[in-house]
Amino acid sequence: MRPVRPDVALALLLAVGGLLELALTDLDPARPAAAVGLSLFGAAAMLLRTTRPLACLLVTVVLVVLAHVAALGMTLTGTLVVAFLLALASVGRYVPDRVSLAAVLGSATLFVVGSAFVGRPWDVVVALMACAAAWTAGRLLRGESRRSARLSSLADELATQQEQRTREAVQGERMRVARELHDSVAHLVSVMTLHAGGVRRRLDDDPERQEERDALLEVERLGREAVGELHRILGVLRTDDEPATSGVTSPQPRLADLPQLVARVAAAGVPVDLAVDGEEAQLSPGAELAAYRVVQEALTNVLKHGGGARTRVSVTYRPADVEVLVQDDGRAAGPGDGASTGLGLAGIRERVALHGGRVEAGPTPAGFRVRATLPVEEDA
């Protein structure tokens, strides 16, 4: 049910009030029809109160003047006076200053003159005070409405500024982290890689140190890869208007890159078997990266704590999800231990949970196992 407009409700209220007033007043039998019509017209004028305030005032002024003409057989009722005063207040609220003041002075003059002819001298003072009070009330409402609009605009502006400051603070913090990574971690890894390269070159003349040279060469390659990964992360943290470094646009690791990861771990002395079962399903890029990080984290734990334990990595594609399992037969790290990604298994759980998956990690009778399950994209 649609709510009744305030102007319509006010018109109905005045109409009912006017009829009740006439019904309770002892009138000349020849005059009720004219008095009723006058009262109803005054109530109907309220429909123009907000949309056409000057027209509303004009109608009520005419009705008041007619009511003062005794020869017409009409009656000035209290309801009609209320309608006139409401019209004055509406002009004070909705009409510009100069026009409002001129309209009020003219209509109030007619009302006061009419009161002087039919009433006592004191009625003129009362009529003048009533007109001034009604118009002043309208002006006060106009000022309050403007203040409310200004306050609302100011609140919106403050909210916008607060949101902007929040975005700037977040971006500033991201840039601070990016600078710290670039100035400390990336630099140290680069220096470490250069030192490893220097040692390797010193061994080039010794044919019996081929194994050491190969290990140092792998350290160099992993160092360069770490720097490239840091540059990619820095690119994510940068603002759009800042230049990106050369390593920013390198693709993120995927499950298809697991053979290279397994090969690197195997080259470090950990025997690793990789098995892929089922038809490859479509994961979101973030979920696929999370799955890759699970394997990377688990293999890093094996390198650090497994003592060269034999490890099996399996990826199983199912219609609804993808399962990644890393099982070793030694004593790998537990969920709370740190790892090369800087997150640990606890961080991996959070990363996988963001994509609707879950991670199970814990010891088994044969060693340590990490299992992650991630849902397949619905539109796959």
Protein backbone atom coordinates (compact mmCIF):
# COMPACT_ATOMS: atom_id res chain seq x y z
CA MET A 1 0.00 0.00 0.00
CA ARG A 2 1.43 3.36 -1.06
CA PRO A 3 1.82 5.94 1.77
CA VAL A 4 -0.41 9.01 1.70
CA ARG A 5 1.38 12.21 0.66
CA PRO A 6 1.70 14.76 3.49
CA ASP A 7 -0.14 17.45 1.48
CA VAL A 8 -3.04 15.09 0.79
CA ALA A 9 -3.20 14.09 4.45
CA LEU A 10 -3.20 17.76 5.52
CA ALA A 11 -5.96 18.63 3.04
CA LEU A 12 -8.13 15.76 4.29
CA LEU A 13 -7.50 16.76 7.90
CA LEU A 14 -8.51 20.37 7.27
CA ALA A 15 -11.57 19.30 5.28
CA VAL A 16 -12.79 17.06 8.10
CA GLY A 17 -11.95 19.70 10.70
CA GLY A 18 -13.80 22.39 8.75
CA LEU A 19 -16.93 20.27 8.41
CA LEU A 20 -16.87 19.42 12.11
CA GLU A 21 -16.43 23.10 12.96
CA LEU A 22 -19.41 24.10 10.82
CA ALA A 23 -21.52 21.27 12.23
CA LEU A 24 -20.89 22.46 15.76
CA THR A 25 -21.49 26.15 14.96
CA ASP A 26 -24.94 27.75 15.05
CA LEU A 27 -25.28 29.12 11.50
CA ASP A 28 -27.99 30.90 9.60
CA PRO A 29 -29.88 28.17 7.68
CA ALA A 30 -29.36 30.09 4.45
CA ARG A 31 -25.56 30.16 4.78
CA PRO A 32 -24.24 26.61 5.45
CA ALA A 33 -23.76 25.68 1.79
CA ALA A 34 -21.55 28.70 1.08
CA ALA A 35 -19.60 28.18 4.33
CA VAL A 36 -19.03 24.51 3.55
CA GLY A 37 -17.78 25.35 0.07
CA LEU A 38 -15.43 27.98 1.46
CA SER A 39 -13.99 25.55 3.99
CA LEU A 40 -13.52 22.75 1.45
CA PHE A 41 -11.78 25.08 -1.03
CA GLY A 42 -9.42 26.16 1.74
CA ALA A 43 -8.60 22.54 2.52
CA ALA A 44 -8.10 21.72 -1.19
CA ALA A 45 -5.61 24.61 -1.50
CA MET A 46 -3.25 22.61 0.73
CA LEU A 47 -2.59 20.26 -2.20
CA LEU A 48 -0.59 23.14 -3.75
CA ARG A 49 1.29 23.98 -0.56
CA THR A 50 4.71 22.52 -1.52
CA THR A 51 4.54 22.43 -5.32
CA ARG A 52 2.81 25.82 -5.94
CA PRO A 53 3.09 27.78 -2.67
CA LEU A 54 2.22 31.16 -4.26
CA ALA A 55 -0.90 29.70 -5.87
CA CYS A 56 -1.85 28.14 -2.54
CA LEU A 57 -1.48 31.52 -0.81
CA LEU A 58 -3.49 33.29 -3.52
CA VAL A 59 -6.38 30.84 -3.17
CA THR A 60 -6.52 31.18 0.62
CA VAL A 61 -6.28 34.99 0.43
CA VAL A 62 -9.22 35.12 -1.97
CA LEU A 63 -11.22 32.83 0.29
CA VAL A 64 -10.42 34.96 3.35
CA VAL A 65 -11.46 38.15 1.51
CA LEU A 66 -14.71 36.53 0.40
CA ALA A 67 -15.39 35.37 3.93
CA HIS A 68 -15.11 38.96 5.14
CA VAL A 69 -17.76 40.17 2.69
CA ALA A 70 -20.93 39.80 4.72
CA ALA A 71 -23.18 40.34 1.72
CA LEU A 72 -22.03 37.04 0.24
CA GLY A 73 -23.37 35.12 3.20
CA MET A 74 -20.12 33.29 3.97
CA THR A 75 -18.34 32.67 7.25
CA LEU A 76 -14.66 33.01 8.21
CA THR A 77 -14.00 29.80 10.08
CA GLY A 78 -11.02 28.83 12.18
CA THR A 79 -10.15 26.11 9.67
CA LEU A 80 -9.87 28.69 6.88
CA VAL A 81 -7.63 30.86 9.06
CA VAL A 82 -5.36 27.83 9.69
CA ALA A 83 -5.20 27.16 5.94
CA PHE A 84 -4.20 30.78 5.31
CA LEU A 85 -1.45 30.66 7.94
CA LEU A 86 -0.13 27.36 6.58
CA ALA A 87 -0.01 28.91 3.11
CA LEU A 88 2.00 31.82 4.54
CA ALA A 89 4.45 29.39 6.16
CA SER A 90 4.83 27.49 2.88
CA VAL A 91 5.64 30.71 1.01
CA GLY A 92 8.24 31.53 3.66
CA ARG A 93 9.82 28.09 3.27
CA TYR A 94 9.73 27.43 -0.48
CA VAL A 95 9.72 30.86 -2.20
CA PRO A 96 12.82 33.07 -2.71
CA ASP A 97 13.29 35.93 -0.28
CA ARG A 98 12.09 38.99 -2.20
CA VAL A 99 9.06 37.34 -3.79
CA SER A 100 8.19 35.70 -0.50
CA LEU A 101 8.35 38.95 1.44
CA ALA A 102 6.24 40.84 -1.13
CA ALA A 103 3.59 38.09 -1.23
CA VAL A 104 3.40 37.90 2.54
CA LEU A 105 3.10 41.68 3.02
CA GLY A 106 0.32 41.92 0.46
CA SER A 107 -1.72 38.99 1.73
CA ALA A 108 -1.18 39.93 5.38
CA THR A 109 -2.38 43.47 4.65
CA LEU A 110 -5.62 42.17 3.16
CA PHE A 111 -6.10 39.80 6.08
CA VAL A 112 -5.44 42.51 8.66
CA VAL A 113 -7.70 45.05 6.91
CA GLY A 114 -10.49 42.49 6.78
CA SER A 115 -10.06 41.75 10.45
CA ALA A 116 -10.24 45.47 11.25
CA PHE A 117 -13.61 45.80 9.52
CA VAL A 118 -15.30 42.85 11.14
CA GLY A 119 -13.59 42.60 14.50
CA ARG A 120 -12.26 44.58 17.39
CA PRO A 121 -9.09 46.70 17.14
CA TRP A 122 -7.21 44.11 19.15
CA ASP A 123 -7.98 41.55 16.44
CA VAL A 124 -5.76 43.51 14.05
CA VAL A 125 -2.75 43.06 16.35
CA VAL A 126 -3.49 39.36 16.75
CA ALA A 127 -3.90 38.92 12.98
CA LEU A 128 -0.64 40.74 12.29
CA MET A 129 1.26 38.66 14.86
CA ALA A 130 -0.20 35.43 13.47
CA CYS A 131 0.87 36.30 9.93
CA ALA A 132 4.38 37.24 11.07
CA ALA A 133 4.69 34.06 13.15
CA ALA A 134 3.55 31.82 10.28
CA TRP A 135 5.94 33.37 7.76
CA THR A 136 8.84 33.32 10.27
CA ALA A 137 8.21 29.64 10.98
CA GLY A 138 8.47 28.96 7.26
CA ARG A 139 11.75 30.87 7.04
CA LEU A 140 13.15 28.95 9.99
CA LEU A 141 12.21 25.65 8.36
CA ARG A 142 13.86 26.85 5.14
CA GLY A 143 17.08 27.64 7.00
CA GLU A 144 16.99 24.32 8.83
CA SER A 145 16.48 22.48 5.56
CA ARG A 146 19.48 24.25 4.05
CA ARG A 147 21.61 23.44 7.09
CA SER A 148 20.59 19.80 6.89
CA ALA A 149 21.49 19.70 3.20
CA ARG A 150 24.88 21.30 3.93
CA LEU A 151 25.55 18.88 6.76
CA SER A 152 24.60 15.93 4.55
CA SER A 153 26.88 17.21 1.81
CA LEU A 154 29.67 17.74 4.32
CA ALA A 155 29.19 14.22 5.70
CA ASP A 156 29.40 12.77 2.19
CA GLU A 157 32.52 14.81 1.50
CA LEU A 158 34.13 13.68 4.75
CA ALA A 159 33.28 10.07 3.98
CA THR A 160 34.84 10.43 0.54
CA GLN A 161 37.96 12.02 2.02
CA GLN A 162 38.20 9.30 4.65
CA GLU A 163 37.91 6.62 1.99
CA GLN A 164 40.58 8.36 -0.06
CA ARG A 165 42.89 8.62 2.94
CA THR A 166 42.35 4.94 3.69
CA ARG A 167 43.23 3.99 0.12
CA GLU A 168 46.31 6.21 0.25
CA ALA A 169 47.38 4.69 3.57
CA VAL A 170 46.95 1.15 2.24
CA GLN A 171 48.85 2.02 -0.93
CA GLY A 172 51.55 3.74 1.08
CA GLU A 173 51.98 0.65 3.25
CA ARG A 174 52.14 -1.56 0.17
CA MET A 175 54.82 0.65 -1.33
CA ARG A 176 56.76 0.60 1.95
CA VAL A 177 56.69 -3.20 1.94
CA ALA A 178 57.75 -3.21 -1.72
CA ARG A 179 60.68 -0.93 -0.97
CA GLU A 180 61.73 -3.07 1.98
CA LEU A 181 61.63 -6.21 -0.16
CA HIS A 182 63.57 -4.55 -2.94
CA ASP A 183 66.18 -2.86 -0.75
CA SER A 184 66.81 -5.77 1.61
CA VAL A 185 65.66 -9.21 0.50
CA ALA A 186 66.15 -8.83 -3.25
CA HIS A 187 69.52 -7.18 -2.70
CA LEU A 188 70.75 -9.88 -0.33
CA VAL A 189 69.63 -12.69 -2.63
CA SER A 190 71.37 -11.00 -5.55
CA VAL A 191 74.61 -10.65 -3.57
CA MET A 192 74.35 -14.27 -2.45
CA THR A 193 73.93 -15.37 -6.07
CA LEU A 194 76.96 -13.34 -7.16
CA HIS A 195 79.10 -14.89 -4.42
CA ALA A 196 78.00 -18.37 -5.44
CA GLY A 197 78.95 -17.55 -9.03
CA GLY A 198 82.35 -16.30 -7.93
CA VAL A 199 83.07 -19.50 -6.02
CA ARG A 200 81.93 -21.61 -8.97
CA ARG A 201 84.26 -19.81 -11.33
CA ARG A 202 87.19 -20.45 -9.01
CA LEU A 203 86.47 -24.16 -9.33
CA ASP A 204 86.37 -24.15 -13.12
CA ASP A 205 90.07 -25.10 -13.38
CA ASP A 206 89.69 -28.14 -11.12
CA PRO A 207 88.19 -31.06 -13.09
CA GLU A 208 87.68 -33.05 -9.91
CA ARG A 209 85.19 -30.51 -8.49
CA GLN A 210 82.48 -30.96 -11.10
CA GLU A 211 79.86 -31.95 -8.50
CA GLU A 212 80.54 -28.80 -6.48
CA ARG A 213 80.39 -26.65 -9.61
CA ASP A 214 77.00 -28.16 -10.54
CA ALA A 215 75.65 -27.48 -7.04
CA LEU A 216 76.83 -23.88 -7.13
CA LEU A 217 75.37 -23.45 -10.61
CA GLU A 218 72.01 -24.61 -9.23
CA VAL A 219 72.34 -22.13 -6.36
CA GLU A 220 72.92 -19.36 -8.89
CA ARG A 221 69.90 -20.39 -10.92
CA LEU A 222 67.67 -20.61 -7.85
CA GLY A 223 68.92 -17.22 -6.68
CA ARG A 224 68.04 -15.60 -9.99
CA GLU A 225 64.63 -17.28 -9.88
CA ALA A 226 64.07 -15.98 -6.34
CA VAL A 227 64.93 -12.45 -7.44
CA GLY A 228 62.54 -12.78 -10.38
CA GLU A 229 59.78 -13.96 -8.03
CA LEU A 230 60.46 -11.01 -5.74
CA HIS A 231 60.21 -8.67 -8.71
CA ARG A 232 56.86 -10.20 -9.62
CA ILE A 233 55.59 -9.62 -6.08
CA LEU A 234 56.89 -6.07 -6.19
CA GLY A 235 54.92 -5.52 -9.39
CA VAL A 236 51.72 -6.59 -7.61
CA LEU A 237 52.44 -4.14 -4.80
CA ARG A 238 53.20 -1.20 -7.07
CA THR A 239 50.71 1.43 -8.12
CA ASP A 240 49.51 1.44 -11.71
CA ASP A 241 51.35 4.65 -12.54
CA GLU A 242 54.77 3.35 -11.47
CA PRO A 243 57.05 1.53 -13.91
CA ALA A 244 57.22 -2.20 -13.46
CA THR A 245 60.48 -4.11 -13.30
CA SER A 246 61.49 -6.60 -15.92
CA GLY A 247 60.47 -9.63 -13.89
CA VAL A 248 56.95 -8.44 -13.12
CA THR A 249 55.14 -9.95 -16.06
CA SER A 250 56.55 -13.47 -15.66
CA PRO A 251 53.74 -16.03 -15.35
CA GLN A 252 52.79 -17.42 -11.96
CA PRO A 253 53.64 -21.07 -11.23
CA ARG A 254 50.99 -23.63 -12.17
CA LEU A 255 50.48 -27.33 -11.59
CA ALA A 256 51.97 -27.88 -15.04
CA ASP A 257 55.26 -26.55 -13.61
CA LEU A 258 55.48 -29.28 -10.96
CA PRO A 259 57.94 -31.43 -13.00
CA GLN A 260 60.49 -28.60 -12.90
CA LEU A 261 59.94 -28.17 -9.15
CA VAL A 262 60.33 -31.90 -8.54
CA ALA A 263 63.47 -31.97 -10.69
CA ARG A 264 65.07 -29.17 -8.66
CA VAL A 265 64.31 -30.95 -5.39
CA ALA A 266 65.62 -34.22 -6.75
CA ALA A 267 68.81 -32.47 -7.86
CA ALA A 268 69.25 -31.32 -4.27
CA GLY A 269 69.42 -34.95 -3.12
CA VAL A 270 65.80 -35.85 -2.29
CA PRO A 271 64.31 -38.70 -4.35
CA VAL A 272 60.88 -37.52 -5.53
CA ASP A 273 58.30 -39.29 -7.68
CA LEU A 274 55.53 -37.35 -9.42
CA ALA A 275 52.23 -38.94 -10.49
CA VAL A 276 49.28 -37.24 -12.20
CA ASP A 277 45.96 -39.07 -12.38
CA GLY A 278 42.75 -38.12 -14.17
CA GLU A 279 41.86 -35.66 -16.89
CA GLU A 280 43.20 -32.18 -16.23
CA ALA A 281 40.49 -29.91 -14.80
CA GLN A 282 40.22 -26.15 -14.83
CA LEU A 283 41.16 -24.35 -11.63
CA SER A 284 41.09 -20.61 -11.13
CA PRO A 285 44.55 -19.00 -11.42
CA GLY A 286 44.63 -18.29 -7.71
CA ALA A 287 43.60 -21.84 -6.80
CA GLU A 288 46.21 -23.30 -9.16
CA LEU A 289 48.90 -21.14 -7.61
CA ALA A 290 47.76 -22.24 -4.15
CA ALA A 291 48.01 -25.91 -5.17
CA TYR A 292 51.52 -25.34 -6.51
CA ARG A 293 52.54 -23.60 -3.27
CA VAL A 294 51.27 -26.58 -1.24
CA VAL A 295 53.64 -28.89 -3.09
CA GLN A 296 56.48 -26.37 -2.87
CA GLU A 297 55.94 -25.96 0.86
CA ALA A 298 55.80 -29.68 1.54
CA LEU A 299 58.92 -30.43 -0.52
CA THR A 300 60.78 -27.61 1.21
CA ASN A 301 59.92 -29.20 4.54
CA VAL A 302 61.26 -32.50 3.28
CA LEU A 303 64.50 -30.78 2.24
CA LYS A 304 64.87 -29.13 5.63
CA HIS A 305 63.68 -31.86 7.96
CA GLY A 306 63.15 -35.08 6.06
CA GLY A 307 66.77 -36.16 5.96
CA GLY A 308 66.62 -37.16 2.28
CA ALA A 309 63.43 -39.18 2.74
CA ARG A 310 61.86 -40.58 -0.38
CA THR A 311 58.82 -38.52 -1.33
CA ARG A 312 55.84 -39.10 -3.58
CA VAL A 313 53.86 -36.21 -5.11
CA SER A 314 50.52 -37.01 -6.67
CA VAL A 315 47.94 -34.82 -8.36
CA THR A 316 44.47 -36.31 -8.79
CA TYR A 317 41.89 -34.60 -10.99
CA ARG A 318 38.27 -35.38 -10.14
CA PRO A 319 35.03 -33.94 -11.57
CA ALA A 320 34.41 -31.67 -8.59
CA ASP A 321 37.88 -31.02 -7.18
CA VAL A 322 41.62 -31.52 -7.49
CA GLU A 323 43.62 -33.27 -4.81
CA VAL A 324 47.33 -32.63 -4.26
CA LEU A 325 49.16 -35.12 -2.02
CA VAL A 326 52.77 -35.05 -0.80
CA GLN A 327 53.85 -38.11 1.22
CA ASP A 328 57.37 -38.82 2.48
CA ASP A 329 58.76 -41.79 4.35
CA GLY A 330 60.94 -39.78 6.73
CA ARG A 331 60.34 -37.14 9.40
CA ALA A 332 59.37 -33.92 7.65
CA ALA A 333 58.37 -30.66 9.28
CA GLY A 334 55.08 -30.18 11.04
CA PRO A 335 52.39 -27.62 10.26
CA GLY A 336 53.89 -24.93 12.41
CA ASP A 337 57.36 -24.95 10.90
CA GLY A 338 58.57 -22.27 8.53
CA ALA A 339 59.55 -22.82 4.94
CA SER A 340 60.98 -21.18 1.86
CA THR A 341 57.78 -19.47 0.88
CA GLY A 342 57.79 -17.60 4.15
CA LEU A 343 54.28 -18.78 4.96
CA GLY A 344 54.56 -22.24 6.50
CA LEU A 345 51.78 -24.78 6.34
CA ALA A 346 49.59 -22.52 8.46
CA GLY A 347 49.85 -19.85 5.78
CA ILE A 348 49.18 -22.44 3.09
CA ARG A 349 45.95 -23.40 4.86
CA GLU A 350 44.81 -19.78 4.74
CA ARG A 351 45.75 -19.46 1.07
CA VAL A 352 43.84 -22.63 0.12
CA ALA A 353 40.84 -21.67 2.28
CA LEU A 354 40.50 -18.43 0.32
CA HIS A 355 39.66 -20.53 -2.74
CA GLY A 356 37.19 -22.80 -0.96
CA GLY A 357 39.65 -25.66 -0.37
CA ARG A 358 41.11 -27.40 2.66
CA VAL A 359 44.50 -28.72 3.77
CA GLU A 360 45.29 -31.73 5.95
CA ALA A 361 48.82 -32.12 7.27
CA GLY A 362 50.24 -34.45 9.86
CA PRO A 363 52.45 -37.42 10.62
CA THR A 364 51.69 -40.94 9.40
CA PRO A 365 53.17 -44.29 10.43
CA ALA A 366 55.43 -44.05 7.38
CA GLY A 367 56.44 -40.38 7.61
CA PHE A 368 54.61 -37.09 7.01
CA ARG A 369 51.74 -36.27 4.66
CA VAL A 370 50.26 -33.07 3.29
CA ARG A 371 46.97 -33.25 1.38
CA ALA A 372 45.14 -30.30 -0.20
CA THR A 373 41.80 -30.32 -1.99
CA LEU A 374 40.62 -27.42 -4.15
CA PRO A 375 37.26 -27.16 -5.94
CA VAL A 376 37.08 -27.02 -9.73
CA GLU A 377 35.61 -23.86 -11.31
CA GLU A 378 31.85 -24.22 -11.79
CA ASP A 379 31.94 -23.02 -15.40
CA ALA A 380 34.68 -25.46 -16.32
